[in-house]
Amino acid sequence: MARYLGLNIVISTGKFQGQGKDWLKKALTLHRRNGMRWDLAYDYFVLGDIHQSQGDFAQAIKSFKSAKELFIGCGSDGWVRETDQALAPISGE
């Protein structure tokens, strides 16, 4: 839920700061602490998407790579492919 609150605030304000950023960080913390690996991977994917849309490609690459590692660990092949597609235009790999 924290991820969705943060994402909605970021989308509605167009800025990755303030309450939107706080809620997304809270989602990361909660999912990491509770061992919710797939949710944590999706949190990183969302962060990568936000960073990419704001032109912060270094942070986007970092977030997408974190998401990919976690998706691989979860056996979520579809999301691994999705993450690879998101990475391709910005990473040069």
C-alpha atoms as a PDB file:
ATOM      1  CA  MET A   1       0.000   0.000   0.000  1.00  0.00           C
ATOM      2  CA  ALA A   2       2.844   2.402   0.818  1.00  0.00           C
ATOM      3  CA  ARG A   3       4.214   1.963  -2.721  1.00  0.00           C
ATOM      4  CA  TYR A   4       0.878   2.847  -4.272  1.00  0.00           C
ATOM      5  CA  LEU A   5       0.408   5.910  -2.078  1.00  0.00           C
ATOM      6  CA  GLY A   6       3.872   7.142  -2.962  1.00  0.00           C
ATOM      7  CA  LEU A   7       3.431   6.422  -6.649  1.00  0.00           C
ATOM      8  CA  ASN A   8       0.094   8.235  -6.768  1.00  0.00           C
ATOM      9  CA  ILE A   9       1.598  11.294  -5.092  1.00  0.00           C
ATOM     10  CA  VAL A  10       4.571  11.285  -7.482  1.00  0.00           C
ATOM     11  CA  ILE A  11       2.269  10.956 -10.490  1.00  0.00           C
ATOM     12  CA  SER A  12      -0.123  13.671  -9.311  1.00  0.00           C
ATOM     13  CA  THR A  13       2.630  16.157  -8.424  1.00  0.00           C
ATOM     14  CA  GLY A  14       5.083  15.192 -11.149  1.00  0.00           C
ATOM     15  CA  LYS A  15       7.900  15.360  -8.610  1.00  0.00           C
ATOM     16  CA  PHE A  16       9.882  12.717  -6.793  1.00  0.00           C
ATOM     17  CA  GLN A  17      10.140  14.506  -3.479  1.00  0.00           C
ATOM     18  CA  GLY A  18       8.240  15.131  -0.276  1.00  0.00           C
ATOM     19  CA  GLN A  19       5.497  12.732   0.716  1.00  0.00           C
ATOM     20  CA  GLY A  20       5.686  10.674  -2.476  1.00  0.00           C
ATOM     21  CA  LYS A  21       9.358   9.931  -1.944  1.00  0.00           C
ATOM     22  CA  ASP A  22       8.784   9.236   1.756  1.00  0.00           C
ATOM     23  CA  TRP A  23       6.036   6.682   1.036  1.00  0.00           C
ATOM     24  CA  LEU A  24       8.154   4.897  -1.570  1.00  0.00           C
ATOM     25  CA  LYS A  25      11.084   4.704   0.847  1.00  0.00           C
ATOM     26  CA  LYS A  26       8.720   3.361   3.507  1.00  0.00           C
ATOM     27  CA  ALA A  27       7.586   0.644   1.080  1.00  0.00           C
ATOM     28  CA  LEU A  28      11.212  -0.346   0.436  1.00  0.00           C
ATOM     29  CA  THR A  29      11.937  -0.519   4.154  1.00  0.00           C
ATOM     30  CA  LEU A  30       8.822  -2.531   4.996  1.00  0.00           C
ATOM     31  CA  HIS A  31       9.229  -5.012   2.152  1.00  0.00           C
ATOM     32  CA  ARG A  32      12.929  -5.514   2.941  1.00  0.00           C
ATOM     33  CA  ARG A  33      12.264  -5.985   6.668  1.00  0.00           C
ATOM     34  CA  ASN A  34       9.388  -8.407   6.084  1.00  0.00           C
ATOM     35  CA  GLY A  35      11.257 -10.477   3.489  1.00  0.00           C
ATOM     36  CA  MET A  36       8.797  -9.628   0.715  1.00  0.00           C
ATOM     37  CA  ARG A  37      11.289 -10.073  -2.118  1.00  0.00           C
ATOM     38  CA  TRP A  38       8.924  -9.771  -5.074  1.00  0.00           C
ATOM     39  CA  ASP A  39       7.346  -6.618  -3.637  1.00  0.00           C
ATOM     40  CA  LEU A  40      10.804  -5.214  -2.952  1.00  0.00           C
ATOM     41  CA  ALA A  41      11.799  -5.958  -6.551  1.00  0.00           C
ATOM     42  CA  TYR A  42       8.695  -4.174  -7.824  1.00  0.00           C
ATOM     43  CA  ASP A  43       9.462  -1.195  -5.556  1.00  0.00           C
ATOM     44  CA  TYR A  44      12.868  -0.911  -7.209  1.00  0.00           C
ATOM     45  CA  PHE A  45      11.269  -1.272 -10.647  1.00  0.00           C
ATOM     46  CA  VAL A  46       8.880   1.595  -9.874  1.00  0.00           C
ATOM     47  CA  LEU A  47      11.773   3.727  -8.602  1.00  0.00           C
ATOM     48  CA  GLY A  48      13.719   2.977 -11.777  1.00  0.00           C
ATOM     49  CA  ASP A  49      10.759   4.049 -13.862  1.00  0.00           C
ATOM     50  CA  ILE A  50      10.397   7.292 -11.890  1.00  0.00           C
ATOM     51  CA  HIS A  51      14.113   8.097 -12.125  1.00  0.00           C
ATOM     52  CA  GLN A  52      14.106   7.335 -15.847  1.00  0.00           C
ATOM     53  CA  SER A  53      11.122   9.603 -16.474  1.00  0.00           C
ATOM     54  CA  GLN A  54      12.909  12.419 -14.650  1.00  0.00           C
ATOM     55  CA  GLY A  55      16.135  11.960 -16.621  1.00  0.00           C
ATOM     56  CA  ASP A  56      18.179  10.548 -13.718  1.00  0.00           C
ATOM     57  CA  PHE A  57      19.526   7.630 -15.726  1.00  0.00           C
ATOM     58  CA  ALA A  58      22.284   6.622 -13.279  1.00  0.00           C
ATOM     59  CA  GLN A  59      19.736   6.113 -10.483  1.00  0.00           C
ATOM     60  CA  ALA A  60      17.316   4.445 -12.903  1.00  0.00           C
ATOM     61  CA  ILE A  61      19.968   1.924 -13.948  1.00  0.00           C
ATOM     62  CA  LYS A  62      20.852   1.225 -10.318  1.00  0.00           C
ATOM     63  CA  SER A  63      17.189   0.687  -9.370  1.00  0.00           C
ATOM     64  CA  PHE A  64      16.431  -1.488 -12.400  1.00  0.00           C
ATOM     65  CA  LYS A  65      19.499  -3.658 -11.722  1.00  0.00           C
ATOM     66  CA  SER A  66      18.415  -4.131  -8.089  1.00  0.00           C
ATOM     67  CA  ALA A  67      14.930  -5.065  -9.297  1.00  0.00           C
ATOM     68  CA  LYS A  68      16.315  -7.529 -11.830  1.00  0.00           C
ATOM     69  CA  GLU A  69      18.476  -9.338  -9.255  1.00  0.00           C
ATOM     70  CA  LEU A  70      15.489  -9.722  -6.941  1.00  0.00           C
ATOM     71  CA  PHE A  71      13.151 -10.827  -9.743  1.00  0.00           C
ATOM     72  CA  ILE A  72      15.716 -13.467 -10.753  1.00  0.00           C
ATOM     73  CA  GLY A  73      15.813 -14.697  -7.155  1.00  0.00           C
ATOM     74  CA  CYS A  74      12.019 -14.954  -7.159  1.00  0.00           C
ATOM     75  CA  GLY A  75      11.945 -16.871 -10.432  1.00  0.00           C
ATOM     76  CA  SER A  76       9.861 -14.134 -12.001  1.00  0.00           C
ATOM     77  CA  ASP A  77      11.069 -14.546 -15.582  1.00  0.00           C
ATOM     78  CA  GLY A  78       8.437 -12.242 -17.077  1.00  0.00           C
ATOM     79  CA  TRP A  79       9.517  -9.382 -14.824  1.00  0.00           C
ATOM     80  CA  VAL A  80      13.181 -10.089 -15.583  1.00  0.00           C
ATOM     81  CA  ARG A  81      12.390  -9.602 -19.289  1.00  0.00           C
ATOM     82  CA  GLU A  82      10.345  -6.478 -18.495  1.00  0.00           C
ATOM     83  CA  THR A  83      13.256  -5.050 -16.509  1.00  0.00           C
ATOM     84  CA  ASP A  84      15.706  -5.871 -19.302  1.00  0.00           C
ATOM     85  CA  GLN A  85      13.459  -3.984 -21.727  1.00  0.00           C
ATOM     86  CA  ALA A  86      13.360  -0.983 -19.406  1.00  0.00           C
ATOM     87  CA  LEU A  87      17.159  -1.062 -19.004  1.00  0.00           C
ATOM     88  CA  ALA A  88      18.053  -1.482 -22.686  1.00  0.00           C
ATOM     89  CA  PRO A  89      17.555   2.106 -23.893  1.00  0.00           C
ATOM     90  CA  ILE A  90      19.392   3.699 -20.959  1.00  0.00           C
ATOM     91  CA  SER A  91      22.204   1.292 -20.109  1.00  0.00           C
ATOM     92  CA  GLY A  92      23.780   0.614 -23.479  1.00  0.00           C
ATOM     93  CA  GLU A  93      23.922  -3.112 -22.691  1.00  0.00           C
END
